[in-house]
Amino acid sequence: MIRVFADAEELARGAAALFAEEISRAVTGRGRASVLLAGGETPRRTYEMLAGEPLRTTIPWDKIHFFWGDERCVPADDPRSNQAMARESLLDRVPVPPENIHPIACADSPEQAADAYQRELQDHFAGDPPRFDLVFLGLGADGHTASLFPGSAALAEQTLWTVVVHRPGDAFPRITLTLPLLNQARRLLFLVSGQGKSAMLAEIVRGVSASGPLYPAQRVQLHNGEVSWFADRAAAGC
């Protein structure tokens, strides 16, 4: 399902409302909510709205556990850090218990960090199906999502939940969650904003890839959940 909003502000408002609804459903049904956050600039305004009224006081922050879909291996306070953006725009502004925040920590080697994050995820789900109640993802102009890039070996991963990715041209490695985990989510929302994403979004919606293989974002196909696409008019090309 794709829903088109007038502009980025309306998109953020719609995403924040969906967040509140899904959290309420998860907490009512299971006693807690597990959320996967996206990086980049598109979700920032959504996070800011969640941290402000009227939503801030309606959300049971103490029942939510926050994880990240991917992270650049840069210092935690680096402007390029997904953790830093989410803390600045949301997590430092709402009453989330510190133990409910689960960032990807790259202080050790990337491989050790990926292994540690998988263990943290396994401990969190503790034998239950590893299903996030809500996942936020973005879309790159090349069709990537999280840090799953076209042609990356990470796309073929069938067992591990977390892997290290080296993107050509980057001065740092990344850690990303993989499709076997992402595709178990209950609800997943792609947020797409700006004219620069319009060509790729059109291809994604048509369900085709000019180069043959599916783009990474097209490979997000939930086993038993709902995928939604929220786009502003610029990204939707209208």
C-alpha atoms as a PDB file:
ATOM      1  CA  MET A   1       0.000   0.000   0.000  1.00  0.00           C
ATOM      2  CA  ILE A   2       1.313   3.450  -0.892  1.00  0.00           C
ATOM      3  CA  ARG A   3      -0.124   6.578   0.679  1.00  0.00           C
ATOM      4  CA  VAL A   4       0.787   9.965  -0.758  1.00  0.00           C
ATOM      5  CA  PHE A   5       0.967  13.068   1.438  1.00  0.00           C
ATOM      6  CA  ALA A   6       0.993  16.699   0.356  1.00  0.00           C
ATOM      7  CA  ASP A   7       4.482  17.350   1.694  1.00  0.00           C
ATOM      8  CA  ALA A   8       7.163  16.082   4.075  1.00  0.00           C
ATOM      9  CA  GLU A   9       5.435  17.658   7.082  1.00  0.00           C
ATOM     10  CA  GLU A  10       2.192  15.812   6.412  1.00  0.00           C
ATOM     11  CA  LEU A  11       4.116  12.609   5.792  1.00  0.00           C
ATOM     12  CA  ALA A  12       5.801  12.932   9.183  1.00  0.00           C
ATOM     13  CA  ARG A  13       2.457  13.584  10.864  1.00  0.00           C
ATOM     14  CA  GLY A  14       0.973  10.469   9.286  1.00  0.00           C
ATOM     15  CA  ALA A  15       3.954   8.332  10.304  1.00  0.00           C
ATOM     16  CA  ALA A  16       3.828   9.618  13.880  1.00  0.00           C
ATOM     17  CA  ALA A  17       0.123   8.789  14.110  1.00  0.00           C
ATOM     18  CA  LEU A  18       0.770   5.280  12.796  1.00  0.00           C
ATOM     19  CA  PHE A  19       3.549   4.854  15.373  1.00  0.00           C
ATOM     20  CA  ALA A  20       1.149   5.743  18.186  1.00  0.00           C
ATOM     21  CA  GLU A  21      -1.478   3.321  16.888  1.00  0.00           C
ATOM     22  CA  GLU A  22       0.927   0.407  16.486  1.00  0.00           C
ATOM     23  CA  ILE A  23       2.498   0.954  19.894  1.00  0.00           C
ATOM     24  CA  SER A  24      -0.921   0.973  21.538  1.00  0.00           C
ATOM     25  CA  ARG A  25      -1.841  -2.253  19.757  1.00  0.00           C
ATOM     26  CA  ALA A  26       1.404  -3.984  20.729  1.00  0.00           C
ATOM     27  CA  VAL A  27       1.347  -2.933  24.377  1.00  0.00           C
ATOM     28  CA  THR A  28      -2.310  -3.878  24.754  1.00  0.00           C
ATOM     29  CA  GLY A  29      -1.782  -7.260  23.149  1.00  0.00           C
ATOM     30  CA  ARG A  30       1.693  -8.244  24.325  1.00  0.00           C
ATOM     31  CA  GLY A  31       2.653  -5.928  27.165  1.00  0.00           C
ATOM     32  CA  ARG A  32       5.515  -4.248  25.335  1.00  0.00           C
ATOM     33  CA  ALA A  33       6.512  -2.973  21.901  1.00  0.00           C
ATOM     34  CA  SER A  34       9.685  -3.568  19.906  1.00  0.00           C
ATOM     35  CA  VAL A  35      10.504  -0.811  17.419  1.00  0.00           C
ATOM     36  CA  LEU A  36      13.207  -0.599  14.769  1.00  0.00           C
ATOM     37  CA  LEU A  37      14.316   2.932  13.935  1.00  0.00           C
ATOM     38  CA  ALA A  38      15.635   4.224  10.625  1.00  0.00           C
ATOM     39  CA  GLY A  39      18.381   6.755  10.098  1.00  0.00           C
ATOM     40  CA  GLY A  40      18.670   9.495   7.520  1.00  0.00           C
ATOM     41  CA  GLU A  41      16.854  12.815   7.393  1.00  0.00           C
ATOM     42  CA  THR A  42      13.384  11.652   6.322  1.00  0.00           C
ATOM     43  CA  PRO A  43      12.318  10.170   9.710  1.00  0.00           C
ATOM     44  CA  ARG A  44      13.735  13.030  11.790  1.00  0.00           C
ATOM     45  CA  ARG A  45      10.569  15.111  11.642  1.00  0.00           C
ATOM     46  CA  THR A  46       8.472  12.070  12.590  1.00  0.00           C
ATOM     47  CA  TYR A  47      10.645  11.567  15.661  1.00  0.00           C
ATOM     48  CA  GLU A  48      10.317  15.231  16.590  1.00  0.00           C
ATOM     49  CA  MET A  49       6.536  15.021  16.382  1.00  0.00           C
ATOM     50  CA  LEU A  50       6.498  11.967  18.617  1.00  0.00           C
ATOM     51  CA  ALA A  51       8.541  13.874  21.186  1.00  0.00           C
ATOM     52  CA  GLY A  52       6.093  16.789  21.145  1.00  0.00           C
ATOM     53  CA  GLU A  53       2.493  17.228  22.148  1.00  0.00           C
ATOM     54  CA  PRO A  54      -0.103  15.916  21.785  1.00  0.00           C
ATOM     55  CA  LEU A  55       1.540  12.529  21.142  1.00  0.00           C
ATOM     56  CA  ARG A  56       4.256  12.596  23.791  1.00  0.00           C
ATOM     57  CA  THR A  57       1.897  12.165  26.737  1.00  0.00           C
ATOM     58  CA  THR A  58      -0.253   9.520  25.044  1.00  0.00           C
ATOM     59  CA  ILE A  59       2.508   6.996  24.335  1.00  0.00           C
ATOM     60  CA  PRO A  60       3.649   4.422  26.961  1.00  0.00           C
ATOM     61  CA  TRP A  61       7.348   5.086  26.529  1.00  0.00           C
ATOM     62  CA  ASP A  62       8.353   2.777  29.367  1.00  0.00           C
ATOM     63  CA  LYS A  63       6.915  -0.184  27.458  1.00  0.00           C
ATOM     64  CA  ILE A  64       8.844   0.422  24.218  1.00  0.00           C
ATOM     65  CA  HIS A  65      12.214  -1.064  23.296  1.00  0.00           C
ATOM     66  CA  PHE A  66      14.103   0.767  20.553  1.00  0.00           C
ATOM     67  CA  PHE A  67      16.560  -0.839  18.157  1.00  0.00           C
ATOM     68  CA  TRP A  68      18.217   0.353  14.931  1.00  0.00           C
ATOM     69  CA  GLY A  69      18.045  -1.150  11.459  1.00  0.00           C
ATOM     70  CA  ASP A  70      21.592  -0.134  10.652  1.00  0.00           C
ATOM     71  CA  GLU A  71      24.436   2.062  11.832  1.00  0.00           C
ATOM     72  CA  ARG A  72      27.559   3.660  10.489  1.00  0.00           C
ATOM     73  CA  CYS A  73      30.629   2.754  12.532  1.00  0.00           C
ATOM     74  CA  VAL A  74      31.379   6.313  13.605  1.00  0.00           C
ATOM     75  CA  PRO A  75      31.478   7.827  17.119  1.00  0.00           C
ATOM     76  CA  ALA A  76      28.077   7.878  18.844  1.00  0.00           C
ATOM     77  CA  ASP A  77      28.018  11.688  18.800  1.00  0.00           C
ATOM     78  CA  ASP A  78      29.025  11.956  15.129  1.00  0.00           C
ATOM     79  CA  PRO A  79      26.394  13.783  13.014  1.00  0.00           C
ATOM     80  CA  ARG A  80      26.408  10.807  10.646  1.00  0.00           C
ATOM     81  CA  SER A  81      25.360   8.443  13.436  1.00  0.00           C
ATOM     82  CA  ASN A  82      21.799   7.127  13.262  1.00  0.00           C
ATOM     83  CA  GLN A  83      21.852   6.786  17.024  1.00  0.00           C
ATOM     84  CA  ALA A  84      22.815  10.435  17.482  1.00  0.00           C
ATOM     85  CA  MET A  85      19.984  11.630  15.257  1.00  0.00           C
ATOM     86  CA  ALA A  86      17.368   9.520  17.030  1.00  0.00           C
ATOM     87  CA  ARG A  87      18.562  10.561  20.472  1.00  0.00           C
ATOM     88  CA  GLU A  88      18.583  14.246  19.570  1.00  0.00           C
ATOM     89  CA  SER A  89      15.182  14.258  17.904  1.00  0.00           C
ATOM     90  CA  LEU A  90      13.330  11.723  20.068  1.00  0.00           C
ATOM     91  CA  LEU A  91      14.896   9.525  22.709  1.00  0.00           C
ATOM     92  CA  ASP A  92      16.496  12.249  24.845  1.00  0.00           C
ATOM     93  CA  ARG A  93      13.175  14.108  24.890  1.00  0.00           C
ATOM     94  CA  VAL A  94      10.834  11.355  26.115  1.00  0.00           C
ATOM     95  CA  PRO A  95      10.801   9.187  29.279  1.00  0.00           C
ATOM     96  CA  VAL A  96      12.246   5.994  27.825  1.00  0.00           C
ATOM     97  CA  PRO A  97      14.163   3.919  30.390  1.00  0.00           C
ATOM     98  CA  PRO A  98      17.839   3.751  29.373  1.00  0.00           C
ATOM     99  CA  GLU A  99      17.719  -0.046  29.423  1.00  0.00           C
ATOM    100  CA  ASN A 100      15.041   0.063  26.714  1.00  0.00           C
ATOM    101  CA  ILE A 101      17.393   1.759  24.242  1.00  0.00           C
ATOM    102  CA  HIS A 102      19.541  -0.675  22.267  1.00  0.00           C
ATOM    103  CA  PRO A 103      21.992   1.138  19.973  1.00  0.00           C
ATOM    104  CA  ILE A 104      24.496  -0.594  17.738  1.00  0.00           C
ATOM    105  CA  ALA A 105      27.849   0.043  19.425  1.00  0.00           C
ATOM    106  CA  CYS A 106      30.909  -0.024  17.155  1.00  0.00           C
ATOM    107  CA  ALA A 107      33.539   0.574  19.828  1.00  0.00           C
ATOM    108  CA  ASP A 108      35.092  -2.819  19.130  1.00  0.00           C
ATOM    109  CA  SER A 109      35.724  -4.259  15.706  1.00  0.00           C
ATOM    110  CA  PRO A 110      32.711  -4.134  13.365  1.00  0.00           C
ATOM    111  CA  GLU A 111      32.511  -7.925  13.353  1.00  0.00           C
ATOM    112  CA  GLN A 112      32.447  -8.049  17.152  1.00  0.00           C
ATOM    113  CA  ALA A 113      29.847  -5.303  17.220  1.00  0.00           C
ATOM    114  CA  ALA A 114      27.607  -7.169  14.762  1.00  0.00           C
ATOM    115  CA  ASP A 115      27.898 -10.359  16.823  1.00  0.00           C
ATOM    116  CA  ALA A 116      27.134  -8.471  20.029  1.00  0.00           C
ATOM    117  CA  TYR A 117      24.052  -6.853  18.514  1.00  0.00           C
ATOM    118  CA  GLN A 118      22.718 -10.190  17.330  1.00  0.00           C
ATOM    119  CA  ARG A 119      23.124 -11.565  20.863  1.00  0.00           C
ATOM    120  CA  GLU A 120      21.307  -8.517  22.238  1.00  0.00           C
ATOM    121  CA  LEU A 121      18.441  -9.092  19.829  1.00  0.00           C
ATOM    122  CA  GLN A 122      18.308 -12.775  20.741  1.00  0.00           C
ATOM    123  CA  ASP A 123      18.214 -11.914  24.448  1.00  0.00           C
ATOM    124  CA  HIS A 124      15.439  -9.406  23.847  1.00  0.00           C
ATOM    125  CA  PHE A 125      13.186 -11.844  22.016  1.00  0.00           C
ATOM    126  CA  ALA A 126      14.279 -14.668  24.351  1.00  0.00           C
ATOM    127  CA  GLY A 127      12.856 -17.613  22.464  1.00  0.00           C
ATOM    128  CA  ASP A 128       9.805 -15.774  21.134  1.00  0.00           C
ATOM    129  CA  PRO A 129       9.515 -15.233  17.385  1.00  0.00           C
ATOM    130  CA  PRO A 130      11.859 -12.307  16.612  1.00  0.00           C
ATOM    131  CA  ARG A 131       9.127 -10.016  15.336  1.00  0.00           C
ATOM    132  CA  PHE A 132       9.376  -6.246  15.571  1.00  0.00           C
ATOM    133  CA  ASP A 133       6.017  -4.606  16.147  1.00  0.00           C
ATOM    134  CA  LEU A 134       6.998  -1.654  13.978  1.00  0.00           C
ATOM    135  CA  VAL A 135       9.900  -1.104  11.609  1.00  0.00           C
ATOM    136  CA  PHE A 136      10.781   2.213  10.008  1.00  0.00           C
ATOM    137  CA  LEU A 137      12.840   2.024   6.821  1.00  0.00           C
ATOM    138  CA  GLY A 138      13.950   4.532   4.224  1.00  0.00           C
ATOM    139  CA  LEU A 139      14.645   4.216   0.521  1.00  0.00           C
ATOM    140  CA  GLY A 140      17.845   5.249  -1.215  1.00  0.00           C
ATOM    141  CA  ALA A 141      17.913   6.594  -4.745  1.00  0.00           C
ATOM    142  CA  ASP A 142      19.744   3.366  -5.684  1.00  0.00           C
ATOM    143  CA  GLY A 143      17.050   1.180  -4.122  1.00  0.00           C
ATOM    144  CA  HIS A 144      18.906   0.407  -0.911  1.00  0.00           C
ATOM    145  CA  THR A 145      17.249   0.242   2.479  1.00  0.00           C
ATOM    146  CA  ALA A 146      18.891   0.026   5.906  1.00  0.00           C
ATOM    147  CA  SER A 147      22.475  -0.708   4.803  1.00  0.00           C
ATOM    148  CA  LEU A 148      21.425  -3.336   2.296  1.00  0.00           C
ATOM    149  CA  PHE A 149      22.884  -2.075  -0.965  1.00  0.00           C
ATOM    150  CA  PRO A 150      22.498  -3.390  -4.524  1.00  0.00           C
ATOM    151  CA  GLY A 151      24.973  -6.174  -5.176  1.00  0.00           C
ATOM    152  CA  SER A 152      25.916  -6.566  -1.506  1.00  0.00           C
ATOM    153  CA  ALA A 153      26.638 -10.041  -0.184  1.00  0.00           C
ATOM    154  CA  ALA A 154      24.452  -9.106   2.795  1.00  0.00           C
ATOM    155  CA  LEU A 155      21.385  -9.583   0.583  1.00  0.00           C
ATOM    156  CA  ALA A 156      22.125 -13.307   0.330  1.00  0.00           C
ATOM    157  CA  GLU A 157      22.405 -13.834   4.078  1.00  0.00           C
ATOM    158  CA  GLN A 158      19.970 -16.503   5.235  1.00  0.00           C
ATOM    159  CA  THR A 159      20.959 -17.128   8.854  1.00  0.00           C
ATOM    160  CA  LEU A 160      22.617 -14.172  10.562  1.00  0.00           C
ATOM    161  CA  TRP A 161      20.490 -11.264  11.794  1.00  0.00           C
ATOM    162  CA  THR A 162      23.329  -8.734  11.648  1.00  0.00           C
ATOM    163  CA  VAL A 163      26.258  -8.376   9.261  1.00  0.00           C
ATOM    164  CA  VAL A 164      29.055  -5.928   8.482  1.00  0.00           C
ATOM    165  CA  VAL A 165      28.785  -4.022   5.206  1.00  0.00           C
ATOM    166  CA  HIS A 166      31.564  -2.131   3.434  1.00  0.00           C
ATOM    167  CA  ARG A 167      30.044   0.333   0.972  1.00  0.00           C
ATOM    168  CA  PRO A 168      32.433   1.447  -1.767  1.00  0.00           C
ATOM    169  CA  GLY A 169      33.490   5.028  -1.194  1.00  0.00           C
ATOM    170  CA  ASP A 170      32.687   5.085   2.514  1.00  0.00           C
ATOM    171  CA  ALA A 171      35.481   5.718   4.987  1.00  0.00           C
ATOM    172  CA  PHE A 172      33.743   3.557   7.582  1.00  0.00           C
ATOM    173  CA  PRO A 173      32.036   0.154   7.714  1.00  0.00           C
ATOM    174  CA  ARG A 174      28.373  -0.270   8.573  1.00  0.00           C
ATOM    175  CA  ILE A 175      26.355  -2.807  10.485  1.00  0.00           C
ATOM    176  CA  THR A 176      22.948  -3.734   9.185  1.00  0.00           C
ATOM    177  CA  LEU A 177      20.108  -6.024  10.087  1.00  0.00           C
ATOM    178  CA  THR A 178      19.385  -8.601   7.408  1.00  0.00           C
ATOM    179  CA  LEU A 179      16.324  -9.715   5.488  1.00  0.00           C
ATOM    180  CA  PRO A 180      15.708 -12.875   7.567  1.00  0.00           C
ATOM    181  CA  LEU A 181      14.989 -10.635  10.562  1.00  0.00           C
ATOM    182  CA  LEU A 182      13.380  -7.665   8.805  1.00  0.00           C
ATOM    183  CA  ASN A 183      10.921  -9.905   6.995  1.00  0.00           C
ATOM    184  CA  GLN A 184       9.480 -11.224  10.247  1.00  0.00           C
ATOM    185  CA  ALA A 185       8.102  -7.829  11.334  1.00  0.00           C
ATOM    186  CA  ARG A 186       4.433  -7.333  12.112  1.00  0.00           C
ATOM    187  CA  ARG A 187       4.257  -3.873  10.547  1.00  0.00           C
ATOM    188  CA  LEU A 188       6.832  -2.143   8.378  1.00  0.00           C
ATOM    189  CA  LEU A 189       6.706   1.404   7.094  1.00  0.00           C
ATOM    190  CA  PHE A 190       8.863   2.858   4.332  1.00  0.00           C
ATOM    191  CA  LEU A 191       9.230   6.647   4.532  1.00  0.00           C
ATOM    192  CA  VAL A 192      10.124   8.291   1.213  1.00  0.00           C
ATOM    193  CA  SER A 193      10.529  12.020   0.714  1.00  0.00           C
ATOM    194  CA  GLY A 194      11.893  14.284  -2.023  1.00  0.00           C
ATOM    195  CA  GLN A 195      12.073  14.401  -5.784  1.00  0.00           C
ATOM    196  CA  GLY A 196      15.403  12.588  -5.776  1.00  0.00           C
ATOM    197  CA  LYS A 197      13.615   9.378  -4.774  1.00  0.00           C
ATOM    198  CA  SER A 198      10.799   9.607  -7.321  1.00  0.00           C
ATOM    199  CA  ALA A 199      12.366   7.516 -10.109  1.00  0.00           C
ATOM    200  CA  MET A 200      13.280   4.701  -7.765  1.00  0.00           C
ATOM    201  CA  LEU A 201       9.936   4.758  -5.981  1.00  0.00           C
ATOM    202  CA  ALA A 202       8.193   4.471  -9.348  1.00  0.00           C
ATOM    203  CA  GLU A 203      10.234   1.359 -10.158  1.00  0.00           C
ATOM    204  CA  ILE A 204       9.560  -0.137  -6.741  1.00  0.00           C
ATOM    205  CA  VAL A 205       5.820   0.437  -7.070  1.00  0.00           C
ATOM    206  CA  ARG A 206       5.782  -1.098 -10.552  1.00  0.00           C
ATOM    207  CA  GLY A 207       7.507  -4.131  -9.087  1.00  0.00           C
ATOM    208  CA  VAL A 208      10.230  -4.250 -11.705  1.00  0.00           C
ATOM    209  CA  SER A 209      13.949  -3.643 -11.836  1.00  0.00           C
ATOM    210  CA  ALA A 210      15.575  -2.365 -14.995  1.00  0.00           C
ATOM    211  CA  SER A 211      18.801  -4.191 -14.186  1.00  0.00           C
ATOM    212  CA  GLY A 212      17.225  -7.588 -13.557  1.00  0.00           C
ATOM    213  CA  PRO A 213      17.625  -8.496  -9.874  1.00  0.00           C
ATOM    214  CA  LEU A 214      15.272  -7.008  -7.341  1.00  0.00           C
ATOM    215  CA  TYR A 215      16.376  -3.841  -5.621  1.00  0.00           C
ATOM    216  CA  PRO A 216      17.079  -4.366  -1.903  1.00  0.00           C
ATOM    217  CA  ALA A 217      13.904  -2.535  -0.860  1.00  0.00           C
ATOM    218  CA  GLN A 218      11.848  -4.858  -3.090  1.00  0.00           C
ATOM    219  CA  ARG A 219      13.239  -7.821  -1.168  1.00  0.00           C
ATOM    220  CA  VAL A 220      11.582  -6.646   2.016  1.00  0.00           C
ATOM    221  CA  GLN A 221       8.618  -9.017   1.832  1.00  0.00           C
ATOM    222  CA  LEU A 222       7.090  -9.765   5.203  1.00  0.00           C
ATOM    223  CA  HIS A 223       6.212 -13.374   5.929  1.00  0.00           C
ATOM    224  CA  ASN A 224       3.154 -12.498   8.001  1.00  0.00           C
ATOM    225  CA  GLY A 225       2.872  -8.743   8.344  1.00  0.00           C
ATOM    226  CA  GLU A 226       1.894  -5.536   6.583  1.00  0.00           C
ATOM    227  CA  VAL A 227       4.154  -3.270   4.536  1.00  0.00           C
ATOM    228  CA  SER A 228       3.120   0.351   3.914  1.00  0.00           C
ATOM    229  CA  TRP A 229       4.763   3.076   1.874  1.00  0.00           C
ATOM    230  CA  PHE A 230       4.346   6.706   2.930  1.00  0.00           C
ATOM    231  CA  ALA A 231       5.590   9.211   0.349  1.00  0.00           C
ATOM    232  CA  ASP A 232       5.275  12.936  -0.133  1.00  0.00           C
ATOM    233  CA  ARG A 233       4.069  14.272  -3.469  1.00  0.00           C
ATOM    234  CA  ALA A 234       7.601  15.077  -4.630  1.00  0.00           C
ATOM    235  CA  ALA A 235       8.729  11.466  -4.120  1.00  0.00           C
ATOM    236  CA  ALA A 236       5.517  10.134  -5.638  1.00  0.00           C
ATOM    237  CA  GLY A 237       6.031  12.266  -8.741  1.00  0.00           C
ATOM    238  CA  CYS A 238       2.713  14.060  -8.536  1.00  0.00           C
END
